[in-house]
């Protein structure tokens, strides 16, 4: 494969590719390289924090109340919220260090399709792993698993959905945001499908169960079909609509190929996906297609804040001494993992960039790797504790507390020519003025040149 095609593949199927890996793969065929990506993806592991301290909270409700005082309960809830932040850090670390990069990239993608937020750590960790487990599986099984997750049930009020008073939140978002898109169902379809999900609930440990007395067993008419449907039946009927395959293929195309839709390519993908809703087969087709490697699709996608953070750390490994600062960087750039802005998730593409975020993003390599000062007032604080954390010495120069592994960088990139390093870090075309700026730099070493390249606008693209 050509170098730029390899870089393009690994930026979209993962978070970039290093020089040594490029050298290893360049002589291999596209078929071999793509197949290896999927083979490695099968070796993923679930992301598990140590949650043993929450053992009391996972007991049956009555027993838990007998054993715990209110103060203990509140303290554990506070610890749960802290653990959610630790899951955030662990997830980013997984994306930086995983050998199953395609599975992790797919997990990140699905997190912005099946959008959810929850401060109960044992539920949101389970949810995150449900994304990971189903990321390249069968889409029908995936939707059914998501519908039964406690975090989703809480987020969209499906636990309050009972036959005496149906709550329509989950049923509405299932169609509008997760499977069909606006305009492909009626308000009556929402009401009828909400009835089918009544009584769906979960145990404290997250296991699904049906509260039979709260479920509506009556006849429902949904998308032209009539029967005593339950929630699984509703999902089956939704996936019978070709619009579902088209809707998901559109999301996948915009994320993995090009923010601008090519109708012919999306139709090609829709025809394939609709046959059996096999996500792995769909993604393999995309990465194997000649049109995926067309110049019009290379270097045209704006990296999300998480993609930017991970791509930098793939070149120069970084360890945060104060993990809160990693959370702060996400907030400054507008994407905090596990904390989406709303059920629609992050809009992506050009919405990542405004006058504040662009300047901060371009300064990020210097902040991470060159001890650049952070302007902490560029955006609002994440939460009260963050405000306290950064307000003690407002007039003092502030830096990130990080350890940079420049030895790792130098072993792989230290002896490369400046031109080679530039071509590894930038996949798309470089503006002529930016090119002139780089050519006029006094380059003393590749370490400094790396920071310079990562600070140009073109590094924001993948």
Protein backbone atom coordinates (compact mmCIF):
# COMPACT_ATOMS: atom_id res chain seq x y z
CA UNK A 1 0.00 0.00 0.00
CA UNK A 2 1.03 3.59 -0.55
CA UNK A 3 2.18 5.40 2.57
CA UNK A 4 -0.62 7.99 2.52
CA UNK A 5 -3.23 5.24 2.09
CA UNK A 6 -1.82 3.37 5.08
CA UNK A 7 -1.86 6.56 7.11
CA UNK A 8 -5.42 7.29 6.03
CA UNK A 9 -6.57 3.78 6.98
CA UNK A 10 -4.96 3.90 10.41
CA UNK A 11 -6.24 7.39 11.16
CA UNK A 12 -9.81 6.34 10.40
CA UNK A 13 -9.68 2.76 11.74
CA UNK A 14 -7.55 3.84 14.70
CA UNK A 15 -5.70 6.92 15.93
CA UNK A 16 -2.72 7.07 13.59
CA UNK A 17 0.30 4.98 12.70
CA UNK A 18 3.95 5.32 13.67
CA UNK A 19 7.04 5.14 11.51
CA UNK A 20 8.05 1.61 12.51
CA UNK A 21 4.59 0.26 11.78
CA UNK A 22 4.57 2.06 8.42
CA UNK A 23 7.84 0.42 7.49
CA UNK A 24 6.54 -2.98 8.55
CA UNK A 25 3.31 -2.76 6.55
CA UNK A 26 4.21 -0.88 3.37
CA UNK A 27 5.23 -3.99 1.47
CA UNK A 28 2.01 -5.83 2.34
CA UNK A 29 -1.22 -5.85 0.35
CA UNK A 30 -4.35 -3.95 1.28
CA UNK A 31 -6.19 -7.25 1.79
CA UNK A 32 -3.58 -8.47 4.27
CA UNK A 33 -3.44 -5.18 6.19
CA UNK A 34 -7.21 -4.76 6.48
CA UNK A 35 -7.67 -8.39 7.51
CA UNK A 36 -5.05 -7.97 10.26
CA UNK A 37 -6.89 -4.94 11.63
CA UNK A 38 -10.02 -7.03 12.07
CA UNK A 39 -8.10 -9.99 13.47
CA UNK A 40 -6.51 -7.75 16.11
CA UNK A 41 -9.93 -6.23 16.89
CA UNK A 42 -11.17 -9.64 18.01
CA UNK A 43 -8.57 -9.66 20.79
CA UNK A 44 -10.11 -6.74 22.69
CA UNK A 45 -10.53 -6.85 26.46
CA UNK A 46 -13.26 -5.27 28.54
CA UNK A 47 -12.32 -2.14 30.46
CA UNK A 48 -12.60 -2.96 34.15
CA UNK A 49 -11.88 -0.78 37.17
CA UNK A 50 -11.64 -2.24 40.67
CA UNK A 51 -15.15 -1.72 42.05
CA UNK A 52 -14.87 -3.96 45.12
CA UNK A 53 -15.57 -1.02 47.45
CA UNK A 54 -19.12 -0.85 46.07
CA UNK A 55 -20.01 -4.41 47.06
CA UNK A 56 -22.56 -3.19 49.62
CA UNK A 57 -24.39 -1.10 47.04
CA UNK A 58 -24.83 -4.11 44.77
CA UNK A 59 -26.79 -6.06 47.34
CA UNK A 60 -30.61 -6.29 47.17
CA UNK A 61 -32.18 -2.96 48.10
CA UNK A 62 -33.73 -4.00 51.45
CA UNK A 63 -30.56 -5.69 52.67
CA UNK A 64 -28.46 -2.72 51.59
CA UNK A 65 -30.63 -0.29 53.57
CA UNK A 66 -30.33 -2.43 56.69
CA UNK A 67 -26.55 -2.57 56.45
CA UNK A 68 -25.78 1.04 55.50
CA UNK A 69 -26.37 4.41 57.10
CA UNK A 70 -27.35 7.43 54.99
CA UNK A 71 -23.90 8.98 55.41
CA UNK A 72 -22.19 5.84 54.15
CA UNK A 73 -24.53 5.72 51.18
CA UNK A 74 -23.76 9.34 50.23
CA UNK A 75 -20.02 8.73 50.62
CA UNK A 76 -20.16 5.76 48.26
CA UNK A 77 -22.17 7.76 45.73
CA UNK A 78 -19.44 10.42 45.85
CA UNK A 79 -16.83 7.72 45.28
CA UNK A 80 -18.91 6.44 42.37
CA UNK A 81 -18.75 9.84 40.68
CA UNK A 82 -14.98 9.89 41.18
CA UNK A 83 -14.72 6.42 39.67
CA UNK A 84 -16.56 7.65 36.57
CA UNK A 85 -13.72 10.14 36.11
CA UNK A 86 -11.22 7.32 36.55
CA UNK A 87 -13.08 5.38 33.85
CA UNK A 88 -12.62 8.42 31.61
CA UNK A 89 -8.84 8.35 32.18
CA UNK A 90 -8.68 4.57 31.72
CA UNK A 91 -10.62 4.76 28.46
CA UNK A 92 -8.21 7.31 26.99
CA UNK A 93 -5.27 5.20 28.15
CA UNK A 94 -6.85 2.17 26.45
CA UNK A 95 -7.15 4.09 23.15
CA UNK A 96 -3.49 5.10 23.36
CA UNK A 97 -2.15 1.65 24.22
CA UNK A 98 -4.55 -0.95 22.82
CA UNK A 99 -3.45 -3.32 20.07
CA UNK A 100 -7.15 -3.72 19.16
CA UNK A 101 -7.33 -0.21 17.78
CA UNK A 102 -10.23 -0.80 15.40
CA UNK A 103 -12.41 -2.11 18.22
CA UNK A 104 -11.54 0.92 20.36
CA UNK A 105 -12.23 3.33 17.49
CA UNK A 106 -15.59 1.66 16.91
CA UNK A 107 -16.37 1.89 20.64
CA UNK A 108 -15.68 5.63 20.54
CA UNK A 109 -17.91 5.98 17.47
CA UNK A 110 -20.85 4.07 18.99
CA UNK A 111 -20.59 6.11 22.19
CA UNK A 112 -21.73 9.09 20.10
CA UNK A 113 -24.54 7.11 18.47
CA UNK A 114 -26.03 5.42 21.54
CA UNK A 115 -25.42 8.48 23.69
CA UNK A 116 -25.71 7.99 27.44
CA UNK A 117 -24.58 9.56 30.72
CA UNK A 118 -24.62 8.03 34.21
CA UNK A 119 -22.78 8.66 37.50
CA UNK A 120 -23.29 5.11 38.76
CA UNK A 121 -19.90 3.59 37.99
CA UNK A 122 -20.87 -0.09 37.89
CA UNK A 123 -23.66 0.72 35.43
CA UNK A 124 -21.73 3.08 33.13
CA UNK A 125 -18.69 0.76 33.08
CA UNK A 126 -21.02 -2.04 32.04
CA UNK A 127 -22.52 0.23 29.39
CA UNK A 128 -19.11 1.15 28.04
CA UNK A 129 -18.23 -2.51 27.72
CA UNK A 130 -21.53 -3.26 25.99
CA UNK A 131 -20.43 -0.75 23.33
CA UNK A 132 -17.04 -2.45 23.15
CA UNK A 133 -18.45 -5.99 22.99
CA UNK A 134 -20.94 -5.20 20.22
CA UNK A 135 -18.82 -2.66 18.32
CA UNK A 136 -18.23 -5.00 15.36
CA UNK A 137 -21.08 -7.42 15.95
CA UNK A 138 -24.68 -7.68 14.80
CA UNK A 139 -26.54 -4.37 14.91
CA UNK A 140 -29.88 -5.94 15.91
CA UNK A 141 -28.29 -7.66 18.91
CA UNK A 142 -26.51 -4.39 19.69
CA UNK A 143 -29.71 -2.31 19.81
CA UNK A 144 -31.46 -4.88 21.98
CA UNK A 145 -28.52 -4.97 24.40
CA UNK A 146 -28.42 -1.17 24.60
CA UNK A 147 -32.18 -1.01 25.25
CA UNK A 148 -31.74 -3.24 28.31
CA UNK A 149 -28.77 -1.38 29.79
CA UNK A 150 -29.51 0.26 33.18
CA UNK A 151 -27.60 3.44 32.27
CA UNK A 152 -29.76 3.94 29.18
CA UNK A 153 -32.90 3.07 31.12
CA UNK A 154 -32.11 5.79 33.65
CA UNK A 155 -30.89 8.34 31.12
CA UNK A 156 -34.06 8.16 29.01
CA UNK A 157 -36.50 7.43 31.84
CA UNK A 158 -37.51 3.98 30.64
CA UNK A 159 -37.62 2.71 34.21
CA UNK A 160 -40.54 5.12 34.75
CA UNK A 161 -42.31 3.66 31.71
CA UNK A 162 -45.31 1.71 33.08
CA UNK A 163 -48.59 0.61 31.54
CA UNK A 164 -50.68 3.03 33.63
CA UNK A 165 -48.59 5.99 32.43
CA UNK A 166 -46.22 5.26 29.52
CA UNK A 167 -43.05 7.38 29.32
CA UNK A 168 -42.17 8.03 25.67
CA UNK A 169 -38.59 9.30 26.04
CA UNK A 170 -36.75 6.11 25.18
CA UNK A 171 -39.13 5.09 22.40
CA UNK A 172 -38.76 8.51 20.77
CA UNK A 173 -34.96 8.62 20.91
CA UNK A 174 -34.70 4.98 19.81
CA UNK A 175 -36.20 6.00 16.48
CA UNK A 176 -35.09 9.62 16.14
CA UNK A 177 -31.44 9.27 17.17
CA UNK A 178 -30.52 5.58 17.28
CA UNK A 179 -32.14 3.88 14.29
CA UNK A 180 -34.35 5.80 11.83
CA UNK A 181 -33.92 9.57 11.98
CA UNK A 182 -36.57 12.29 12.02
CA UNK A 183 -39.54 11.93 9.68
CA UNK A 184 -39.64 8.14 9.39
CA UNK A 185 -42.24 7.42 12.07
CA UNK A 186 -45.34 9.07 13.50
CA UNK A 187 -46.25 10.34 16.96
CA UNK A 188 -48.63 7.39 17.18
CA UNK A 189 -45.72 5.02 16.47
CA UNK A 190 -43.91 6.57 19.45
CA UNK A 191 -46.92 6.07 21.73
CA UNK A 192 -47.46 2.47 20.63
CA UNK A 193 -43.79 1.50 20.91
CA UNK A 194 -43.53 3.12 24.35
CA UNK A 195 -46.25 0.71 25.50
CA UNK A 196 -44.12 -2.20 24.30
CA UNK A 197 -41.22 -1.12 26.56
CA UNK A 198 -43.36 -0.73 29.70
CA UNK A 199 -42.14 -2.67 32.70
CA UNK A 200 -38.54 -2.90 31.48
CA UNK A 201 -36.27 -2.53 34.48
CA UNK A 202 -33.03 -3.76 36.05
CA UNK A 203 -31.57 -5.11 39.26
CA UNK A 204 -29.00 -3.12 41.25
CA UNK A 205 -26.17 -5.09 39.64
CA UNK A 206 -27.48 -4.07 36.21
CA UNK A 207 -29.14 -7.31 35.13
CA UNK A 208 -32.32 -6.76 33.12
CA UNK A 209 -35.70 -7.94 34.34
CA UNK A 210 -39.31 -7.33 33.37
CA UNK A 211 -41.76 -6.03 35.96
CA UNK A 212 -44.63 -8.12 34.62
CA UNK A 213 -47.35 -6.17 36.43
CA UNK A 214 -46.11 -2.91 34.90
CA UNK A 215 -45.98 -4.23 31.32
CA UNK A 216 -48.71 -3.55 28.80
CA UNK A 217 -49.57 -6.88 27.17
CA UNK A 218 -52.23 -5.35 24.95
CA UNK A 219 -52.28 -5.13 21.18
CA UNK A 220 -50.15 -2.41 19.57
CA UNK A 221 -49.96 -1.08 16.02
CA UNK A 222 -46.48 0.06 15.05
CA UNK A 223 -45.08 1.02 11.64
CA UNK A 224 -48.04 -0.68 9.97
CA UNK A 225 -47.87 -3.94 11.95
CA UNK A 226 -50.25 -5.08 14.69
CA UNK A 227 -49.63 -7.53 17.53
CA UNK A 228 -48.95 -7.97 21.24
CA UNK A 229 -45.46 -6.54 20.76
CA UNK A 230 -42.77 -6.26 23.42
CA UNK A 231 -39.63 -4.12 23.19
CA UNK A 232 -37.61 -6.71 21.28
CA UNK A 233 -40.43 -7.01 18.73
CA UNK A 234 -40.37 -3.23 18.23
CA UNK A 235 -36.64 -3.32 17.52
CA UNK A 236 -37.15 -6.18 15.05
CA UNK A 237 -39.78 -4.15 13.18
CA UNK A 238 -37.56 -1.04 13.14
CA UNK A 239 -34.71 -2.99 11.56
CA UNK A 240 -37.05 -4.34 8.90
CA UNK A 241 -37.15 -0.76 7.60
CA UNK A 242 -34.41 -0.15 5.05
CA UNK A 243 -34.27 3.40 6.36
CA UNK A 244 -32.58 2.02 9.49
CA UNK A 245 -29.68 0.60 7.47
CA UNK A 246 -29.43 3.85 5.49
CA UNK A 247 -29.48 5.98 8.65
CA UNK A 248 -26.66 4.03 10.32
CA UNK A 249 -24.61 3.83 7.12
CA UNK A 250 -24.87 7.61 6.82
CA UNK A 251 -23.48 8.07 10.32
CA UNK A 252 -20.68 5.60 9.65
CA UNK A 253 -19.82 7.24 6.32
CA UNK A 254 -19.59 10.72 7.84
CA UNK A 255 -17.38 9.47 10.67
CA UNK A 256 -15.07 7.03 8.91
CA UNK A 257 -15.02 8.28 5.31
CA UNK A 258 -16.03 11.91 4.74
CA UNK A 259 -18.26 14.47 6.51
CA UNK A 260 -19.76 15.13 3.07
CA UNK A 261 -22.05 12.31 2.01
CA UNK A 262 -21.54 10.55 -1.31
CA UNK A 263 -25.05 9.25 -2.03
CA UNK A 264 -23.86 6.46 -4.33
CA UNK A 265 -21.41 5.12 -1.76
CA UNK A 266 -23.93 5.30 1.09
CA UNK A 267 -26.47 3.46 -1.06
CA UNK A 268 -23.85 0.79 -1.76
CA UNK A 269 -23.25 0.41 1.97
CA UNK A 270 -26.97 0.40 2.75
CA UNK A 271 -27.62 -2.48 0.35
CA UNK A 272 -24.88 -4.50 2.03
CA UNK A 273 -25.79 -3.65 5.63
CA UNK A 274 -29.52 -4.26 5.20
CA UNK A 275 -28.92 -7.91 4.32
CA UNK A 276 -27.85 -9.00 7.80
CA UNK A 277 -26.85 -5.88 9.81
CA UNK A 278 -23.32 -7.26 10.20
CA UNK A 279 -21.16 -4.32 11.37
CA UNK A 280 -17.86 -6.13 10.83
CA UNK A 281 -18.76 -6.97 7.23
CA UNK A 282 -19.80 -3.36 6.60
CA UNK A 283 -16.57 -1.89 7.97
CA UNK A 284 -14.44 -4.45 6.11
CA UNK A 285 -16.18 -3.42 2.88
CA UNK A 286 -15.46 0.26 3.55
CA UNK A 287 -11.77 -0.21 4.32
CA UNK A 288 -11.35 -2.52 1.33
CA UNK A 289 -13.09 -0.22 -1.18
CA UNK A 290 -10.98 1.73 -3.65
CA UNK A 291 -13.13 4.83 -3.16
CA UNK A 292 -12.24 4.93 0.56
CA UNK A 293 -8.68 5.85 -0.51
CA UNK A 294 -9.68 8.58 -2.99
CA UNK A 295 -7.86 11.87 -2.42
CA UNK A 296 -11.18 13.58 -1.72
CA UNK A 297 -11.48 11.50 1.48
CA UNK A 298 -7.93 11.95 2.80
CA UNK A 299 -7.19 14.65 5.37
CA UNK A 300 -10.69 16.15 5.22
CA UNK A 301 -12.01 15.23 8.66
CA UNK A 302 -11.40 17.39 11.73
CA UNK A 303 -10.04 15.31 14.59
CA UNK A 304 -12.26 15.20 17.63
CA UNK A 305 -10.59 16.42 20.85
CA UNK A 306 -10.15 12.81 21.96
CA UNK A 307 -8.67 11.79 18.60
CA UNK A 308 -6.28 14.75 18.84
CA UNK A 309 -5.19 13.88 22.39
CA UNK A 310 -4.66 10.23 21.52
CA UNK A 311 -2.83 10.93 18.25
CA UNK A 312 -0.31 13.17 20.01
CA UNK A 313 0.30 10.54 22.70
CA UNK A 314 0.81 7.88 20.03
CA UNK A 315 3.83 9.83 18.81
CA UNK A 316 5.15 11.04 22.17
CA UNK A 317 3.86 9.03 25.16
CA UNK A 318 2.67 11.26 27.98
CA UNK A 319 1.78 10.47 31.59
CA UNK A 320 -0.37 12.92 33.55
CA UNK A 321 0.80 13.39 37.12
CA UNK A 322 -2.49 15.10 37.93
CA UNK A 323 -5.29 13.25 36.17
CA UNK A 324 -7.71 16.14 36.70
CA UNK A 325 -5.70 18.07 34.14
CA UNK A 326 -6.57 15.47 31.51
CA UNK A 327 -10.24 16.07 32.28
CA UNK A 328 -9.63 19.80 32.06
CA UNK A 329 -8.11 19.52 28.58
CA UNK A 330 -11.19 17.65 27.38
CA UNK A 331 -13.43 20.37 28.79
CA UNK A 332 -11.41 23.12 27.13
CA UNK A 333 -11.78 21.44 23.73
CA UNK A 334 -15.44 20.54 24.14
CA UNK A 335 -15.48 16.73 24.49
CA UNK A 336 -15.47 15.08 27.90
CA UNK A 337 -15.76 11.31 27.56
CA UNK A 338 -18.76 9.86 29.47
CA UNK A 339 -20.22 13.36 29.75
CA UNK A 340 -22.02 14.14 26.45
CA UNK A 341 -23.79 17.52 26.18
CA UNK A 342 -27.21 15.92 25.55
CA UNK A 343 -28.82 12.81 24.07
CA UNK A 344 -27.84 13.98 20.56
CA UNK A 345 -24.18 13.76 21.52
CA UNK A 346 -21.40 15.82 19.96
CA UNK A 347 -22.12 17.26 16.50
CA UNK A 348 -18.55 16.66 15.33
CA UNK A 349 -16.69 17.97 12.29
CA UNK A 350 -16.68 21.80 12.08
CA UNK A 351 -18.48 22.14 15.43
CA UNK A 352 -15.20 21.16 17.12
CA UNK A 353 -13.68 24.42 15.96
CA UNK A 354 -14.41 27.96 17.13
CA UNK A 355 -12.13 30.90 17.87
CA UNK A 356 -11.33 29.59 21.35
CA UNK A 357 -10.99 25.89 20.68
CA UNK A 358 -8.92 26.30 17.50
CA UNK A 359 -6.27 28.36 19.27
CA UNK A 360 -6.23 26.01 22.23
CA UNK A 361 -6.03 22.91 20.00
CA UNK A 362 -3.10 24.34 18.04
CA UNK A 363 -1.36 25.19 21.29
CA UNK A 364 -2.06 21.75 22.78
CA UNK A 365 1.19 20.09 21.55
CA UNK A 366 3.22 22.85 23.20
CA UNK A 367 1.13 22.58 26.36
CA UNK A 368 1.63 18.82 26.52
CA UNK A 369 5.17 18.50 25.23
CA UNK A 370 6.91 21.85 25.66
CA UNK A 371 5.69 23.19 29.02
CA UNK A 372 3.67 25.98 27.43
CA UNK A 373 1.55 28.14 29.72
CA UNK A 374 -2.20 27.47 29.76
CA UNK A 375 -4.71 30.29 29.67
CA UNK A 376 -7.23 28.83 32.08
CA UNK A 377 -9.84 31.51 31.44
CA UNK A 378 -10.46 30.61 27.80
CA UNK A 379 -13.54 28.59 28.74
CA UNK A 380 -15.78 27.93 31.71
CA UNK A 381 -14.73 25.55 34.44
CA UNK A 382 -15.76 21.92 34.48
CA UNK A 383 -17.25 21.94 37.94
CA UNK A 384 -16.86 23.64 41.30
CA UNK A 385 -13.92 21.47 42.34
CA UNK A 386 -12.06 22.45 39.19
CA UNK A 387 -12.67 26.12 39.93
CA UNK A 388 -11.21 25.63 43.39
CA UNK A 389 -8.34 23.64 41.94
CA UNK A 390 -7.24 26.42 39.62
CA UNK A 391 -8.22 29.57 41.54
CA UNK A 392 -5.68 29.41 44.38
CA UNK A 393 -2.91 31.24 42.52
CA UNK A 394 -4.64 32.98 39.63
CA UNK A 395 -1.68 35.12 38.63
CA UNK A 396 0.87 32.33 38.62
CA UNK A 397 2.14 30.76 35.39
CA UNK A 398 0.54 27.35 35.09
CA UNK A 399 1.73 24.24 33.32
CA UNK A 400 0.51 20.71 32.88
CA UNK A 401 2.12 18.26 35.25
CA UNK A 402 3.14 15.58 32.75
CA UNK A 403 6.01 13.22 32.07
CA UNK A 404 7.03 13.12 28.40
CA UNK A 405 8.73 10.00 27.03
CA UNK A 406 11.05 11.69 24.56
CA UNK A 407 13.36 8.67 24.62
CA UNK A 408 10.58 6.62 23.04
CA UNK A 409 10.12 9.32 20.41
CA UNK A 410 13.84 9.60 19.68
CA UNK A 411 14.24 5.85 19.25
CA UNK A 412 11.62 5.82 16.51
CA UNK A 413 11.80 9.31 14.98
CA UNK A 414 15.03 10.93 16.17
CA UNK A 415 17.16 10.01 13.16
CA UNK A 416 14.56 10.69 10.45
CA UNK A 417 14.89 13.57 8.02
CA UNK A 418 12.67 16.58 8.64
CA UNK A 419 10.78 15.85 5.41
CA UNK A 420 10.11 12.23 6.42
CA UNK A 421 8.87 13.28 9.87
CA UNK A 422 6.55 15.84 8.31
CA UNK A 423 5.05 13.25 5.95
CA UNK A 424 4.44 10.86 8.83
CA UNK A 425 2.65 13.43 10.97
CA UNK A 426 0.58 15.10 8.23
CA UNK A 427 -1.54 12.94 5.92
CA UNK A 428 -3.24 15.62 3.81
CA UNK A 429 -1.97 18.53 1.75
CA UNK A 430 -0.19 21.40 3.49
CA UNK A 431 -1.13 24.98 2.68
CA UNK A 432 1.65 26.74 0.73
CA UNK A 433 2.03 29.48 3.38
CA UNK A 434 2.31 26.86 6.13
CA UNK A 435 4.81 24.96 3.99
CA UNK A 436 6.88 28.11 3.60
CA UNK A 437 6.77 28.67 7.36
CA UNK A 438 8.00 25.14 8.06
CA UNK A 439 10.74 25.43 5.44
CA UNK A 440 12.04 28.61 7.05
CA UNK A 441 12.23 27.16 10.54
CA UNK A 442 15.65 26.67 12.06
CA UNK A 443 15.42 22.97 12.91
CA UNK A 444 17.75 21.92 15.70
CA UNK A 445 16.27 18.49 16.41
CA UNK A 446 13.26 16.36 15.56
CA UNK A 447 11.84 16.79 19.03
CA UNK A 448 11.32 20.53 18.48
CA UNK A 449 10.24 20.02 14.86
CA UNK A 450 7.63 17.47 15.98
CA UNK A 451 6.00 20.06 18.27
CA UNK A 452 6.07 22.61 15.44
CA UNK A 453 4.37 20.25 12.97
CA UNK A 454 1.73 19.25 15.48
CA UNK A 455 0.96 22.94 16.00
CA UNK A 456 -0.01 23.71 12.39
CA UNK A 457 -3.66 23.70 11.26
CA UNK A 458 -3.15 20.64 9.03
CA UNK A 459 -2.40 18.46 12.07
CA UNK A 460 -6.00 19.07 13.18
CA UNK A 461 -7.14 17.00 10.20
CA UNK A 462 -7.16 13.29 9.56
